[in-house]
C-alpha atoms as a PDB file:
ATOM      1  CA  MET A   1       7.178  29.276  34.755  1.00  0.00           C
ATOM      2  CA  MET A   2       9.035  31.909  32.141  1.00  0.00           C
ATOM      3  CA  GLU A   3      12.133  30.319  33.060  1.00  0.00           C
ATOM      4  CA  ARG A   4      11.490  26.946  32.032  1.00  0.00           C
ATOM      5  CA  VAL A   5       9.972  28.167  28.785  1.00  0.00           C
ATOM      6  CA  LEU A   6      13.195  30.046  28.218  1.00  0.00           C
ATOM      7  CA  PHE A   7      15.223  26.858  29.119  1.00  0.00           C
ATOM      8  CA  TYR A   8      13.112  24.820  26.835  1.00  0.00           C
ATOM      9  CA  ALA A   9      13.319  27.048  24.070  1.00  0.00           C
ATOM     10  CA  ALA A  10      17.237  27.478  24.448  1.00  0.00           C
ATOM     11  CA  THR A  11      17.414  23.790  24.642  1.00  0.00           C
ATOM     12  CA  ALA A  12      15.497  23.163  21.486  1.00  0.00           C
ATOM     13  CA  LEU A  13      17.485  25.965  19.752  1.00  0.00           C
ATOM     14  CA  ILE A  14      20.846  24.352  20.476  1.00  0.00           C
ATOM     15  CA  PHE A  15      19.980  20.918  19.316  1.00  0.00           C
ATOM     16  CA  SER A  16      17.972  22.086  16.365  1.00  0.00           C
ATOM     17  CA  GLY A  17      21.046  23.979  15.095  1.00  0.00           C
ATOM     18  CA  ILE A  18      23.255  21.254  15.827  1.00  0.00           C
ATOM     19  CA  TYR A  19      20.807  19.019  13.885  1.00  0.00           C
ATOM     20  CA  ALA A  20      20.064  21.405  11.137  1.00  0.00           C
ATOM     21  CA  LEU A  21      23.934  22.042  10.417  1.00  0.00           C
ATOM     22  CA  ILE A  22      24.469  18.180  10.360  1.00  0.00           C
ATOM     23  CA  ALA A  23      21.442  17.480   7.895  1.00  0.00           C
ATOM     24  CA  SER A  24      21.979  20.311   5.694  1.00  0.00           C
ATOM     25  CA  ARG A  25      25.681  19.285   5.058  1.00  0.00           C
ATOM     26  CA  LEU A  26      25.425  15.724   5.045  1.00  0.00           C
ATOM     27  CA  GLY A  27      22.326  15.159   3.027  1.00  0.00           C
ATOM     28  CA  PRO A  28      23.781  15.539  -0.409  1.00  0.00           C
ATOM     29  CA  THR A  29      26.739  13.345   0.584  1.00  0.00           C
ATOM     30  CA  PHE A  30      24.578  10.559   1.988  1.00  0.00           C
ATOM     31  CA  ASP A  31      22.485  10.729  -1.305  1.00  0.00           C
ATOM     32  CA  GLN A  32      25.455  10.102  -3.328  1.00  0.00           C
ATOM     33  CA  TRP A  33      26.457   7.421  -1.468  1.00  0.00           C
ATOM     34  CA  LEU A  34      23.018   5.701  -1.454  1.00  0.00           C
ATOM     35  CA  ARG A  35      23.031   6.105  -5.380  1.00  0.00           C
ATOM     36  CA  ALA A  36      26.366   4.546  -5.697  1.00  0.00           C
ATOM     37  CA  ARG A  37      25.306   1.817  -3.475  1.00  0.00           C
ATOM     38  CA  HIS A  38      22.370   1.095  -5.446  1.00  0.00           C
ATOM     39  CA  ALA A  39      24.144   1.316  -8.814  1.00  0.00           C
ATOM     40  CA  ARG A  40      26.895  -1.110  -7.587  1.00  0.00           C
ATOM     41  CA  ARG A  41      24.348  -3.687  -6.222  1.00  0.00           C
ATOM     42  CA  LEU A  42      22.410  -3.469  -9.753  1.00  0.00           C
ATOM     43  CA  ALA A  43      25.860  -3.864 -11.499  1.00  0.00           C
ATOM     44  CA  ALA A  44      26.775  -6.841  -9.632  1.00  0.00           C
ATOM     45  CA  ARG A  45      23.366  -8.387 -10.276  1.00  0.00           C
ATOM     46  CA  LEU A  46      23.528  -7.690 -13.924  1.00  0.00           C
ATOM     47  CA  ALA A  47      27.122  -9.237 -14.113  1.00  0.00           C
ATOM     48  CA  ARG A  48      25.810 -12.851 -12.326  1.00  0.00           C
ATOM     49  CA  GLY A  49      23.329 -13.136 -15.025  1.00  0.00           C
ATOM     50  CA  SER A  50      21.923 -16.505 -14.196  1.00  0.00           C
ATOM     51  CA  ASP A  51      18.221 -16.837 -13.842  1.00  0.00           C
ATOM     52  CA  ARG A  52      18.280 -17.205 -10.191  1.00  0.00           C
ATOM     53  CA  TYR A  53      19.032 -13.626  -9.716  1.00  0.00           C
ATOM     54  CA  PHE A  54      16.615 -12.294 -12.315  1.00  0.00           C
ATOM     55  CA  GLU A  55      13.922 -12.159  -9.463  1.00  0.00           C
ATOM     56  CA  GLU A  56      16.188 -10.098  -7.184  1.00  0.00           C
ATOM     57  CA  LEU A  57      17.455  -7.731 -10.058  1.00  0.00           C
ATOM     58  CA  ARG A  58      13.506  -7.001 -11.111  1.00  0.00           C
ATOM     59  CA  GLU A  59      13.149  -6.245  -7.427  1.00  0.00           C
ATOM     60  CA  LEU A  60      16.420  -3.803  -7.386  1.00  0.00           C
ATOM     61  CA  GLU A  61      15.392  -2.259 -10.567  1.00  0.00           C
ATOM     62  CA  SER A  62      11.827  -1.516  -9.179  1.00  0.00           C
ATOM     63  CA  ARG A  63      13.036   0.130  -5.879  1.00  0.00           C
ATOM     64  CA  THR A  64      15.413   2.844  -7.193  1.00  0.00           C
ATOM     65  CA  PRO A  65      16.290   5.445  -4.568  1.00  0.00           C
ATOM     66  CA  VAL A  66      14.058   8.200  -4.082  1.00  0.00           C
ATOM     67  CA  PRO A  67      15.504  11.473  -5.444  1.00  0.00           C
ATOM     68  CA  TYR A  68      17.055  13.573  -2.841  1.00  0.00           C
ATOM     69  CA  VAL A  69      15.164  17.130  -2.256  1.00  0.00           C
ATOM     70  CA  ALA A  70      18.141  19.504  -1.035  1.00  0.00           C
ATOM     71  CA  HIS A  71      16.754  21.546   2.020  1.00  0.00           C
ATOM     72  CA  GLY A  72      18.781  24.486   3.335  1.00  0.00           C
ATOM     73  CA  PHE A  73      19.806  25.057   7.089  1.00  0.00           C
ATOM     74  CA  ALA A  74      16.629  27.093   7.698  1.00  0.00           C
ATOM     75  CA  TRP A  75      14.211  24.531   6.788  1.00  0.00           C
ATOM     76  CA  HIS A  76      16.102  21.803   8.851  1.00  0.00           C
ATOM     77  CA  PHE A  77      16.252  24.159  11.685  1.00  0.00           C
ATOM     78  CA  VAL A  78      12.609  25.548  11.680  1.00  0.00           C
ATOM     79  CA  ARG A  79      11.322  21.863  11.679  1.00  0.00           C
ATOM     80  CA  THR A  80      13.653  20.393  14.122  1.00  0.00           C
ATOM     81  CA  PHE A  81      13.064  23.377  16.702  1.00  0.00           C
ATOM     82  CA  ALA A  82       9.262  22.981  16.425  1.00  0.00           C
ATOM     83  CA  VAL A  83       9.489  19.334  17.123  1.00  0.00           C
ATOM     84  CA  MET A  84      11.785  19.732  19.904  1.00  0.00           C
ATOM     85  CA  PHE A  85      10.199  22.467  21.548  1.00  0.00           C
ATOM     86  CA  LEU A  86       6.935  20.597  21.564  1.00  0.00           C
ATOM     87  CA  VAL A  87       8.508  17.241  23.089  1.00  0.00           C
ATOM     88  CA  ALA A  88      10.438  19.242  25.673  1.00  0.00           C
ATOM     89  CA  SER A  89       7.171  21.280  26.885  1.00  0.00           C
ATOM     90  CA  LEU A  90       5.098  18.500  26.749  1.00  0.00           C
ATOM     91  CA  PRO A  91       5.143  18.072  30.553  1.00  0.00           C
ATOM     92  CA  GLU A  92       4.185  21.530  30.881  1.00  0.00           C
ATOM     93  CA  LEU A  93       1.241  21.418  28.245  1.00  0.00           C
ATOM     94  CA  PHE A  94      -0.152  18.772  30.237  1.00  0.00           C
ATOM     95  CA  LYS A  95      -0.088  20.739  33.518  1.00  0.00           C
ATOM     96  CA  ILE A  96      -1.875  23.460  31.733  1.00  0.00           C
ATOM     97  CA  LEU A  97      -4.346  21.336  29.831  1.00  0.00           C
ATOM     98  CA  PHE A  98      -5.110  19.087  32.491  1.00  0.00           C
ATOM     99  CA  PRO A  99      -5.173  20.980  35.910  1.00  0.00           C
ATOM    100  CA  PHE A 100      -6.327  18.451  38.164  1.00  0.00           C
ATOM    101  CA  SER A 101      -4.174  16.990  40.705  1.00  0.00           C
ATOM    102  CA  PRO A 102      -4.444  13.521  42.319  1.00  0.00           C
ATOM    103  CA  GLU A 103      -3.312  14.633  45.564  1.00  0.00           C
END
């Protein structure tokens, strides 16, 4: 039983570290790309200028990208580790919580 817990914890630790590293490094880059894409689409709609596109223009202006909140490596790591450990150990939790056996 203890070996399984350590295996689940080690697996969650490895994947959480990888995800946290990627998320903390690429988050600001993705946010810059999203904002630049939105600005390009908005400029293209304004350049067209005909009545046909004003409805789409209003929709684009109303849905500006949500501001990016920078989180560090530790925030991503702890959050992902908790979720991955829970998912990995879910079958064992069900065995503990519901000990009856259909046999």
